[in-house]
Protein backbone atom coordinates (compact mmCIF):
# COMPACT_ATOMS: atom_id res chain seq x y z
CA MET A 1 -22.35 7.37 59.85
CA ARG A 2 -21.61 5.30 56.53
CA LYS A 3 -19.36 2.30 56.96
CA ILE A 4 -16.13 2.42 54.90
CA SER A 5 -16.17 -0.17 52.22
CA ARG A 6 -13.28 0.89 49.90
CA ALA A 7 -9.87 2.69 50.76
CA LEU A 8 -7.34 3.87 48.29
CA ILE A 9 -3.65 3.77 49.80
CA SER A 10 -0.61 5.34 48.03
CA VAL A 11 2.10 6.47 50.43
CA SER A 12 5.73 7.51 49.90
CA ASP A 13 6.27 7.37 53.91
CA LYS A 14 5.28 3.71 54.88
CA THR A 15 5.36 4.51 58.60
CA GLY A 16 2.40 2.79 60.27
CA ILE A 17 0.67 1.82 57.07
CA LEU A 18 0.93 -1.90 57.59
CA GLU A 19 -0.95 -1.62 60.87
CA LEU A 20 -3.67 0.74 59.44
CA ALA A 21 -4.14 -1.45 56.27
CA SER A 22 -4.41 -4.62 58.33
CA ALA A 23 -7.03 -3.14 60.57
CA LEU A 24 -9.01 -2.10 57.46
CA ALA A 25 -8.76 -5.46 55.95
CA SER A 26 -10.01 -7.08 59.18
CA LEU A 27 -13.09 -4.74 58.76
CA GLN A 28 -13.70 -6.15 55.24
CA VAL A 29 -12.69 -2.94 53.54
CA GLU A 30 -11.43 -3.37 49.93
CA LEU A 31 -7.76 -2.15 49.68
CA LEU A 32 -6.91 -0.17 46.47
CA SER A 33 -3.37 0.71 45.87
CA THR A 34 -0.45 1.54 43.53
CA GLY A 35 3.23 0.73 42.73
CA GLY A 36 5.46 0.13 45.77
CA THR A 37 2.69 0.58 48.41
CA ALA A 38 0.61 -2.27 46.70
CA LYS A 39 3.94 -4.40 46.50
CA LEU A 40 4.42 -3.87 50.28
CA LEU A 41 0.90 -4.68 51.35
CA ARG A 42 0.87 -8.04 49.24
CA GLU A 43 4.23 -8.96 50.69
CA LYS A 44 2.69 -8.86 54.10
CA GLY A 45 -0.10 -11.13 53.05
CA LEU A 46 -2.82 -8.54 52.33
CA LYS A 47 -5.33 -8.71 49.52
CA VAL A 48 -4.89 -5.58 47.38
CA ARG A 49 -6.53 -4.44 44.21
CA ASP A 50 -4.45 -2.41 41.72
CA VAL A 51 -5.94 0.96 40.83
CA SER A 52 -5.39 0.14 37.24
CA ASP A 53 -7.81 -2.70 37.68
CA LEU A 54 -10.29 -0.16 38.92
CA THR A 55 -9.68 2.37 36.01
CA GLY A 56 -9.08 -0.10 33.22
CA PHE A 57 -6.12 1.89 32.32
CA PRO A 58 -2.46 0.97 33.09
CA GLU A 59 0.01 2.89 35.00
CA MET A 60 2.27 4.85 32.37
CA LEU A 61 4.98 7.37 31.85
CA ASP A 62 7.05 5.78 34.55
CA GLY A 63 4.27 6.09 37.08
CA ARG A 64 3.46 9.74 36.32
CA VAL A 65 -0.01 8.77 35.37
CA LYS A 66 -1.92 6.28 37.44
CA THR A 67 -4.65 7.99 39.61
CA LEU A 68 -5.55 10.84 37.37
CA HIS A 69 -8.63 9.24 36.07
CA PRO A 70 -12.45 9.70 36.28
CA LYS A 71 -12.94 6.41 37.96
CA VAL A 72 -10.75 7.55 40.83
CA HIS A 73 -11.87 11.15 41.20
CA GLY A 74 -15.58 10.18 40.23
CA GLY A 75 -15.31 7.64 43.23
CA LEU A 76 -14.12 10.41 45.51
CA LEU A 77 -16.16 13.31 44.62
CA ALA A 78 -19.64 11.69 43.98
CA ILE A 79 -21.90 13.01 46.69
CA ARG A 80 -23.59 9.85 48.07
CA SER A 81 -26.98 11.57 48.70
CA ASN A 82 -27.28 13.33 45.30
CA PRO A 83 -29.52 11.34 42.85
CA GLN A 84 -27.89 12.91 39.74
CA HIS A 85 -24.41 11.92 41.05
CA GLN A 86 -25.78 8.47 41.74
CA ALA A 87 -27.11 8.20 38.20
CA ALA A 88 -23.79 9.38 36.83
CA VAL A 89 -21.71 6.82 38.92
CA MET A 90 -23.99 3.84 37.81
CA GLU A 91 -24.01 5.05 34.16
CA HIS A 92 -20.17 4.98 33.96
CA GLY A 93 -19.40 2.16 36.25
CA ILE A 94 -17.74 4.27 38.84
CA GLU A 95 -17.22 2.71 42.37
CA PHE A 96 -17.39 4.64 45.53
CA ILE A 97 -14.01 5.27 47.24
CA ASP A 98 -14.67 6.00 51.13
CA MET A 99 -11.13 6.57 52.33
CA VAL A 100 -7.95 8.06 50.82
CA ILE A 101 -4.60 7.42 52.54
CA VAL A 102 -2.02 9.34 50.85
CA ASN A 103 1.24 11.14 51.62
CA LEU A 104 3.15 12.99 49.00
CA TYR A 105 6.56 12.63 47.29
CA PRO A 106 9.20 14.01 49.55
CA PHE A 107 9.72 17.47 47.77
CA GLU A 108 10.78 19.37 50.98
CA LYS A 109 13.32 16.82 51.86
CA THR A 110 14.66 16.85 48.41
CA ALA A 111 14.88 20.58 48.41
CA MET A 112 17.05 20.44 51.59
CA LYS A 113 19.75 18.25 50.02
CA PRO A 114 23.07 20.10 49.25
CA GLY A 115 23.56 20.60 45.57
CA VAL A 116 20.10 19.38 44.64
CA THR A 117 19.39 19.83 40.96
CA LEU A 118 16.23 21.15 39.15
CA GLU A 119 15.76 17.61 37.58
CA ASP A 120 15.73 16.12 41.08
CA LEU A 121 13.23 18.62 42.27
CA ILE A 122 10.89 18.01 39.26
CA GLU A 123 10.83 14.41 39.70
CA ASN A 124 9.82 14.78 43.40
CA ILE A 125 6.78 17.01 42.52
CA ASP A 126 3.71 14.92 43.24
CA ILE A 127 0.78 15.42 40.92
CA GLY A 128 -1.76 12.55 41.64
CA GLY A 129 -1.30 12.65 45.37
CA PRO A 130 -2.42 16.25 45.89
CA SER A 131 -5.34 15.73 43.44
CA MET A 132 -6.61 12.88 45.39
CA LEU A 133 -6.26 14.68 48.65
CA ARG A 134 -8.14 17.71 47.47
CA SER A 135 -10.96 15.50 45.93
CA ALA A 136 -11.25 13.49 49.07
CA ALA A 137 -11.05 16.60 51.33
CA LYS A 138 -13.70 18.55 49.27
CA ASN A 139 -16.11 15.60 49.78
CA PHE A 140 -15.32 15.02 53.52
CA GLU A 141 -19.03 14.51 54.07
CA ASP A 142 -18.60 11.14 52.42
CA VAL A 143 -14.90 10.35 52.36
CA THR A 144 -12.27 10.33 54.92
CA VAL A 145 -8.85 11.69 53.93
CA LEU A 146 -5.62 10.70 55.76
CA VAL A 147 -2.24 12.44 55.09
CA ASP A 148 -0.38 12.10 58.34
CA ALA A 149 0.72 8.84 59.91
CA ALA A 150 0.31 10.60 63.29
CA ASP A 151 -3.47 10.43 62.69
CA TYR A 152 -3.52 6.81 62.08
CA PRO A 153 -3.86 5.55 65.85
CA GLY A 154 -6.95 8.02 66.26
CA VAL A 155 -8.52 6.76 63.00
CA LEU A 156 -8.21 3.13 64.11
CA GLU A 157 -9.65 3.95 67.47
CA GLU A 158 -12.58 5.48 65.72
CA LEU A 159 -12.95 2.48 63.30
CA GLU A 160 -13.09 0.14 66.08
CA LYS A 161 -15.57 2.31 68.23
CA ASN A 162 -17.85 3.01 65.46
CA LYS A 163 -17.77 -0.44 63.73
CA GLY A 164 -15.82 0.63 60.69
CA SER A 165 -17.17 4.27 60.39
CA ILE A 166 -15.50 7.69 61.08
CA SER A 167 -17.42 10.57 62.70
CA ARG A 168 -18.04 13.75 60.76
CA GLU A 169 -16.30 15.71 63.29
CA ALA A 170 -13.01 13.62 62.62
CA ARG A 171 -13.67 13.76 58.68
CA ALA A 172 -13.89 17.43 58.83
CA ARG A 173 -10.73 17.86 61.00
CA LEU A 174 -8.68 15.41 58.73
CA ALA A 175 -9.91 17.40 55.44
CA ARG A 176 -8.78 20.76 57.03
CA LYS A 177 -5.34 19.07 57.49
CA ALA A 178 -5.36 17.74 53.97
CA PHE A 179 -5.95 21.20 52.54
CA ALA A 180 -3.32 22.61 54.65
CA THR A 181 -0.99 20.11 53.57
CA THR A 182 -1.48 20.60 49.89
CA ALA A 183 -1.25 24.34 50.24
CA ALA A 184 2.11 24.04 52.15
CA TYR A 185 3.34 21.51 49.46
CA ASP A 186 2.55 23.99 46.60
CA SER A 187 3.98 26.72 48.56
CA ALA A 188 7.22 24.89 49.04
CA ILE A 189 7.57 23.84 45.33
CA SER A 190 6.75 27.59 44.29
CA THR A 191 9.27 29.28 46.65
CA THR A 192 12.04 26.72 45.97
CA LEU A 193 11.71 26.93 42.17
CA GLN A 194 11.57 30.74 42.23
CA LYS A 195 14.51 30.94 44.62
CA MET A 196 16.58 28.66 42.18
CA ALA A 197 15.53 31.14 39.34
CA ASN A 198 15.72 34.53 41.17
CA GLY A 199 18.07 34.11 44.20
CA GLU A 200 17.38 34.58 47.86
CA PHE A 201 14.20 36.59 47.34
CA PRO A 202 11.52 35.14 45.10
CA ASP A 203 8.88 37.37 43.27
CA ALA A 204 6.28 35.99 45.39
CA LEU A 205 6.87 34.98 48.94
CA HIS A 206 4.80 32.05 50.14
CA LEU A 207 5.23 31.24 53.74
CA ASN A 208 5.18 27.62 54.78
CA TYR A 209 4.98 27.19 58.52
CA ARG A 210 3.23 24.71 60.86
CA LYS A 211 2.05 25.30 64.17
CA VAL A 212 4.15 23.75 66.98
CA MET A 213 2.05 24.95 69.84
CA ASP A 214 -0.10 27.87 71.25
CA LEU A 215 2.00 30.14 73.69
CA ARG A 216 0.32 31.40 76.85
CA TYR A 217 0.42 34.88 75.34
CA GLY A 218 2.64 37.25 73.34
CA GLU A 219 4.94 39.94 74.46
CA ASN A 220 2.12 41.08 76.85
CA PRO A 221 -0.81 39.04 78.49
CA HIS A 222 -3.44 40.83 76.28
CA GLN A 223 -1.57 39.46 73.06
CA LYS A 224 -2.08 35.96 71.47
CA ALA A 225 0.95 34.05 70.17
CA ALA A 226 1.95 30.65 68.78
CA LEU A 227 5.21 28.98 67.60
CA TYR A 228 5.34 27.73 64.01
CA ARG A 229 8.12 25.64 62.37
CA ASN A 230 9.27 25.62 58.79
CA PRO A 231 8.83 22.07 57.69
CA THR A 232 11.56 22.60 55.00
CA THR A 233 14.03 22.96 57.87
CA ALA A 234 12.47 20.19 60.07
CA GLY A 235 14.70 19.27 62.97
CA ARG A 236 16.89 22.36 62.80
CA GLY A 237 17.06 25.47 64.96
CA LEU A 238 15.55 26.47 68.21
CA ALA A 239 11.97 25.65 67.26
CA ALA A 240 13.07 21.94 67.06
CA ALA A 241 14.81 21.80 70.25
CA PRO A 242 12.97 19.37 72.91
CA GLN A 243 12.05 20.96 76.22
CA LEU A 244 13.48 18.72 78.90
CA GLN A 245 11.66 20.27 81.96
CA GLY A 246 9.91 23.38 83.20
CA LYS A 247 6.69 25.35 82.53
CA GLU A 248 5.42 26.21 79.09
CA LEU A 249 7.65 28.40 77.04
CA SER A 250 6.54 31.91 76.55
CA TYR A 251 6.78 34.40 73.57
CA ASN A 252 9.27 36.36 75.31
CA ASN A 253 11.17 33.28 76.49
CA LEU A 254 11.66 32.11 72.93
CA VAL A 255 12.79 35.54 71.62
CA ASP A 256 15.52 35.83 74.37
CA LEU A 257 16.43 32.05 73.97
CA GLU A 258 17.10 32.79 70.27
CA ALA A 259 19.16 35.84 71.08
CA ALA A 260 21.11 34.05 73.55
CA TRP A 261 21.74 30.89 71.36
CA ARG A 262 22.86 33.03 68.38
CA LEU A 263 25.29 35.04 70.61
CA VAL A 264 26.80 32.01 72.37
CA GLN A 265 27.60 30.40 69.05
CA GLU A 266 29.98 33.16 68.24
CA PHE A 267 32.65 31.57 70.52
CA THR A 268 34.68 28.40 70.34
CA GLN A 269 36.02 28.29 73.93
CA PRO A 270 33.61 27.21 76.72
CA SER A 271 31.16 30.19 76.90
CA THR A 272 28.14 31.41 78.77
CA VAL A 273 25.67 34.25 77.60
CA ILE A 274 23.22 35.74 79.91
CA ILE A 275 20.34 37.55 78.32
CA LYS A 276 17.89 40.07 79.50
CA HIS A 277 15.33 41.59 77.06
CA THR A 278 17.36 40.18 74.18
CA ASN A 279 20.36 42.15 75.25
CA PRO A 280 23.36 40.48 77.10
CA CYS A 281 23.92 41.41 80.71
CA GLY A 282 26.75 38.94 81.10
CA ALA A 283 28.98 36.91 78.73
CA ALA A 284 32.23 35.26 79.22
CA THR A 285 34.62 32.63 77.95
CA ALA A 286 36.93 30.45 80.11
CA ALA A 287 38.82 27.13 80.31
CA THR A 288 35.75 25.43 81.82
CA LEU A 289 32.08 25.96 81.53
CA VAL A 290 31.47 26.55 85.25
CA GLU A 291 34.28 29.31 85.24
CA SER A 292 32.71 30.96 82.28
CA TYR A 293 29.09 30.93 83.86
CA LEU A 294 30.64 32.46 87.09
CA ARG A 295 32.59 35.10 85.13
CA ALA A 296 29.28 35.97 83.20
CA LEU A 297 27.17 36.12 86.24
CA ASP A 298 29.65 38.44 88.01
CA VAL A 299 29.09 41.05 85.17
CA ASP A 300 25.64 41.89 86.35
CA PRO A 301 24.16 39.59 88.84
CA VAL A 302 21.34 41.71 89.64
CA SER A 303 20.03 41.73 85.93
CA ALA A 304 20.91 38.06 85.68
CA PHE A 305 17.96 37.40 88.06
CA GLY A 306 15.09 36.11 85.85
CA SER A 307 17.29 35.76 82.75
CA VAL A 308 17.72 33.47 79.85
CA ILE A 309 21.07 31.78 79.62
CA ALA A 310 22.94 29.93 76.88
CA PHE A 311 25.96 27.79 76.97
CA ASN A 312 28.00 26.47 73.88
CA ARG A 313 28.97 23.20 75.73
CA ALA A 314 26.80 20.60 77.43
CA VAL A 315 25.84 21.59 80.84
CA ASP A 316 27.86 19.65 83.46
CA GLY A 317 27.34 19.03 87.17
CA PRO A 318 29.57 21.81 88.45
CA THR A 319 27.94 24.35 86.10
CA ALA A 320 24.38 23.22 87.04
CA GLU A 321 25.05 23.27 90.75
CA GLU A 322 25.97 26.94 90.55
CA LEU A 323 23.20 27.64 88.14
CA ALA A 324 20.64 26.20 90.61
CA LYS A 325 21.53 29.02 93.08
CA LEU A 326 19.93 31.63 90.70
CA PHE A 327 16.48 32.22 89.58
CA VAL A 328 16.61 31.79 85.83
CA GLU A 329 13.61 31.56 83.24
CA ALA A 330 15.27 29.28 80.77
CA VAL A 331 18.39 27.51 79.62
CA VAL A 332 19.56 26.51 76.19
CA ALA A 333 22.63 24.37 75.64
CA PRO A 334 23.89 21.54 73.41
CA GLY A 335 22.98 19.05 75.99
CA PHE A 336 22.77 18.35 79.84
CA ASP A 337 24.74 15.43 81.38
CA ALA A 338 22.89 13.38 83.96
CA SER A 339 24.42 15.11 86.91
CA ALA A 340 23.42 18.47 85.58
CA LEU A 341 19.71 17.18 85.21
CA GLN A 342 19.91 15.95 88.70
CA HIS A 343 21.02 19.23 90.06
CA LEU A 344 18.23 21.15 88.12
CA ALA A 345 15.48 18.84 88.72
CA GLY A 346 14.37 20.56 91.89
CA LYS A 347 13.86 23.71 89.84
CA LYS A 348 10.45 22.56 88.55
CA ASN A 349 9.59 25.86 86.59
CA LEU A 350 13.02 26.10 84.91
CA ARG A 351 12.87 25.59 81.31
CA LEU A 352 15.72 23.43 79.62
CA LEU A 353 16.14 23.25 76.00
CA ASP A 354 18.48 20.71 74.35
CA MET A 355 19.97 21.89 71.14
CA SER A 356 22.00 18.47 70.89
CA ALA A 357 18.95 16.80 69.65
CA THR A 358 18.52 19.29 66.69
CA LEU A 359 20.16 18.90 63.20
CA GLY A 360 22.16 22.21 63.58
CA ASP A 361 21.09 25.75 63.52
CA GLU A 362 18.63 27.23 61.01
CA PHE A 363 18.61 31.16 61.20
CA GLY A 364 17.31 31.47 57.58
CA ILE A 365 15.55 34.78 56.57
CA GLN A 366 14.27 37.25 59.05
CA LEU A 367 10.77 38.56 58.71
CA LYS A 368 9.27 41.79 60.09
CA ALA A 369 5.67 43.05 59.52
CA VAL A 370 4.88 46.47 58.36
CA GLY A 371 1.38 47.83 57.76
CA GLY A 372 0.15 45.85 54.63
CA GLY A 373 3.43 43.95 54.04
CA LEU A 374 6.58 42.28 55.06
CA LEU A 375 10.07 43.25 55.40
CA VAL A 376 12.47 40.23 54.58
CA GLN A 377 16.14 40.12 54.99
CA THR A 378 18.93 37.51 55.31
CA SER A 379 20.25 36.91 58.77
CA ASP A 380 23.43 38.69 60.04
CA SER A 381 25.58 35.59 60.02
CA LEU A 382 28.79 37.36 58.98
CA PRO A 383 31.58 36.40 61.43
CA ALA A 384 34.29 38.51 62.86
CA GLN A 385 37.16 38.85 60.33
CA PRO A 386 39.98 40.42 62.11
CA ASP A 387 42.47 39.69 59.15
CA LEU A 388 40.55 42.22 57.14
CA TRP A 389 40.51 44.92 59.88
CA LYS A 390 42.62 48.04 59.46
CA CYS A 391 44.49 49.79 62.42
CA VAL A 392 44.16 53.63 61.66
CA THR A 393 45.79 54.90 64.79
CA GLU A 394 49.49 55.70 65.58
CA ARG A 395 49.49 53.01 68.15
CA ARG A 396 48.61 49.43 67.22
CA PRO A 397 46.55 47.18 69.59
CA SER A 398 48.67 44.69 71.59
CA ALA A 399 48.07 41.04 71.27
CA GLU A 400 46.05 41.04 74.38
CA GLU A 401 44.01 43.99 73.18
CA MET A 402 43.36 42.54 69.86
CA GLU A 403 42.05 39.26 71.52
CA ALA A 404 39.63 41.46 73.55
CA LEU A 405 38.72 43.50 70.44
CA ILE A 406 37.56 40.34 68.59
CA PHE A 407 35.65 39.24 71.72
CA ALA A 408 34.02 42.53 71.91
CA TRP A 409 32.90 42.72 68.33
CA ARG A 410 31.23 39.39 68.40
CA ILE A 411 29.22 40.53 71.31
CA VAL A 412 28.38 44.10 70.10
CA LYS A 413 26.84 42.46 66.96
CA HIS A 414 24.15 41.05 69.16
CA VAL A 415 23.34 44.22 71.17
CA LYS A 416 20.64 46.48 70.22
CA SER A 417 21.78 49.65 68.45
CA ASN A 418 23.06 52.09 69.13
CA ALA A 419 25.42 49.58 70.81
CA ILE A 420 28.44 49.98 72.81
CA VAL A 421 30.26 47.20 74.96
CA TYR A 422 33.28 47.38 77.23
CA VAL A 423 35.28 44.08 77.44
CA ARG A 424 38.46 42.81 79.18
CA ALA A 425 40.10 39.52 78.52
CA GLY A 426 37.17 37.39 77.48
CA VAL A 427 34.59 38.83 79.70
CA LEU A 428 31.91 41.44 79.25
CA VAL A 429 32.20 44.56 81.70
CA GLY A 430 29.53 47.12 80.49
CA VAL A 431 26.76 47.46 77.93
CA GLY A 432 25.24 50.47 76.38
CA ALA A 433 22.16 49.46 74.31
CA GLY A 434 19.48 51.10 72.27
CA GLN A 435 20.17 54.72 72.96
CA MET A 436 19.18 57.48 70.61
CA SER A 437 22.82 58.81 70.42
CA ARG A 438 26.07 56.96 70.30
CA VAL A 439 27.71 58.85 72.92
CA ASP A 440 24.85 58.25 75.34
CA SER A 441 25.48 54.53 74.72
CA VAL A 442 29.27 55.16 75.68
CA LYS A 443 28.05 56.87 78.92
CA LEU A 444 25.45 54.32 79.77
CA GLY A 445 27.92 51.29 79.41
CA ALA A 446 30.49 53.09 81.41
CA ASN A 447 28.17 54.14 84.26
CA LYS A 448 26.49 50.78 84.48
CA ALA A 449 30.00 49.16 84.87
CA ARG A 450 30.97 51.61 87.50
CA ASP A 451 27.69 50.98 89.38
CA LEU A 452 28.56 47.24 89.46
CA LYS A 453 32.05 48.01 90.65
CA HIS A 454 33.77 46.96 87.52
CA ALA A 455 37.00 48.81 86.83
CA LEU A 456 37.12 50.27 83.31
CA GLU A 457 40.84 51.12 83.09
CA GLY A 458 42.54 48.97 80.48
CA THR A 459 39.32 47.82 78.86
CA VAL A 460 38.53 47.89 75.20
CA LEU A 461 35.37 49.16 73.51
CA ALA A 462 33.31 47.98 70.48
CA SER A 463 30.84 50.14 68.63
CA ASP A 464 28.43 48.40 66.22
CA ALA A 465 28.47 51.53 63.88
CA PHE A 466 30.75 54.41 63.30
CA PHE A 467 31.14 57.27 65.64
CA PRO A 468 29.52 60.41 64.12
CA PHE A 469 31.73 62.70 66.45
CA ALA A 470 34.87 62.48 68.37
CA ASP A 471 32.76 62.94 71.65
CA GLY A 472 32.27 59.11 72.10
CA VAL A 473 36.02 58.49 71.94
CA GLU A 474 36.57 61.24 74.36
CA GLU A 475 34.05 59.73 76.74
CA ALA A 476 35.65 56.26 76.42
CA ALA A 477 39.16 57.72 77.03
CA ARG A 478 37.90 59.33 80.26
CA SER A 479 36.85 55.71 81.21
CA GLY A 480 40.29 54.39 80.53
CA VAL A 481 39.57 52.60 77.48
CA THR A 482 42.79 51.69 75.59
CA ALA A 483 41.68 50.18 72.37
CA ILE A 484 38.34 50.56 70.17
CA VAL A 485 37.04 48.43 67.32
CA GLN A 486 34.41 50.14 65.11
CA PRO A 487 33.25 50.07 61.44
CA GLY A 488 34.46 53.50 60.44
CA GLY A 489 32.83 55.34 57.43
CA SER A 490 31.92 58.58 59.10
CA VAL A 491 32.46 61.88 57.43
CA ARG A 492 34.34 62.70 60.61
CA ASP A 493 36.58 59.68 60.90
CA ASN A 494 39.54 61.97 60.76
CA ASP A 495 38.42 63.75 63.84
CA VAL A 496 37.55 60.52 65.70
CA ILE A 497 41.05 59.00 64.80
CA ALA A 498 42.71 62.20 65.82
CA ALA A 499 40.92 61.86 69.38
CA ALA A 500 42.13 58.35 69.53
CA ASN A 501 45.75 59.42 68.78
CA GLN A 502 45.40 62.32 71.47
CA HIS A 503 44.65 59.72 74.12
CA GLY A 504 46.95 56.98 73.08
CA ILE A 505 44.07 54.73 72.10
CA ALA A 506 44.51 52.11 69.56
CA MET A 507 41.73 51.97 66.96
CA VAL A 508 40.78 49.51 64.25
CA LEU A 509 38.09 49.69 61.57
CA THR A 510 36.14 46.79 60.46
CA GLY A 511 34.36 48.08 57.44
CA VAL A 512 31.39 46.22 58.52
CA ARG A 513 28.39 47.54 60.47
CA HIS A 514 26.24 45.35 62.87
CA PHE A 515 22.93 47.34 63.38
CA SER A 516 20.45 45.26 65.36
CA HIS A 517 16.92 46.81 65.79
């Protein structure tokens, strides 16, 4: 291992840099630096040599040109064991640089700012930084490259252990990280600029995700899986939520947690959603969170066993006390108070995700793989818009029915199509999900509700897409449904409306479909 003699430091994020630079200085490493980084190090009493002194060329163009010079990149790229490289270095007075510590202009953070301009984005595109990272990473056999402050402690430990040297294994690992960083940086720039010019879907789609963790397995034990996070939305969404307790999260846990969290966000009153295999088997609103939980649990307590649950309020003691009586895989909520954590602490395997620590939701675009490609779409984030709904039957829904129809429409949006839900007064009663025909979904939802001893007389029904025939309405009428909300748009709408009128059912059309496949 070769001892590090010279390090070039140029960082936008100054986290941990003083400690690292001080340790290098104590090992007699010469510090090269630029601009604000050099100023900071000098203010802290460290001896720093300007890069302009190394190159013999001043920083210029408002700092745009300072490290793009043969004496920088020659010092990084020269292979120490190559006699021709050695001769060229000596001929041109190039000094070896053994370590590069660089992080890049904050393009991704800039891109996240509301109303960001093209000029702001352009000024935050780093040119010299990625060039140095790539040069150093390419020559990792001789050069150590550091791009992440999280790696500083480990490097300091190696320097101490190896008396100023870094192992080849560490250099190779850090080089891989540097290449991944520059690739992601270029991807973020390309995608952002293309979206500004071409709208939501750029001509070329560059995915920029970084691994958070490996998962135990995928949907099934023979499948591998991992969780990745988009750094341009760092701190947002389920992928950023800290886990407070419990076993490792599985692929299926995360899919169900996302489904539960999206659905519970539809409601403003204290609400609980219970999810099994991405479909709700319980959902309710109430005056208190614990009441909403008990109402949601009562919908289908059998299916709730081993479920995933979402709350739209911080979980309190009374709710947690009831929750602790049920076997649940995972819970997501905007916080857990001390009493709740105490009640749930005994359930060691129960996974708790705290959304209060995130910066908000980030549903973004949805991706689905097909052979040789990707399908890309925006998320279905359209809220219920009852002011735009149209009543098409002789009888209009009552105020109570209208409230229930809005609740039902918010739920059916999150049920796998063909989707039918039965609802009464802020609580789900029955669900028909994923059937090949819509009338079968109507029957399934009703039969499931009856099996669970729920009365259907006086319920309202929501359908995620239009009724292709009147048979669905006829079946709903036999169950005692009094009002229906559906998109409309079938060539047989008149037959469907006539059936509703015949049975005295109020029907409103939304003009909006919510397929979920």
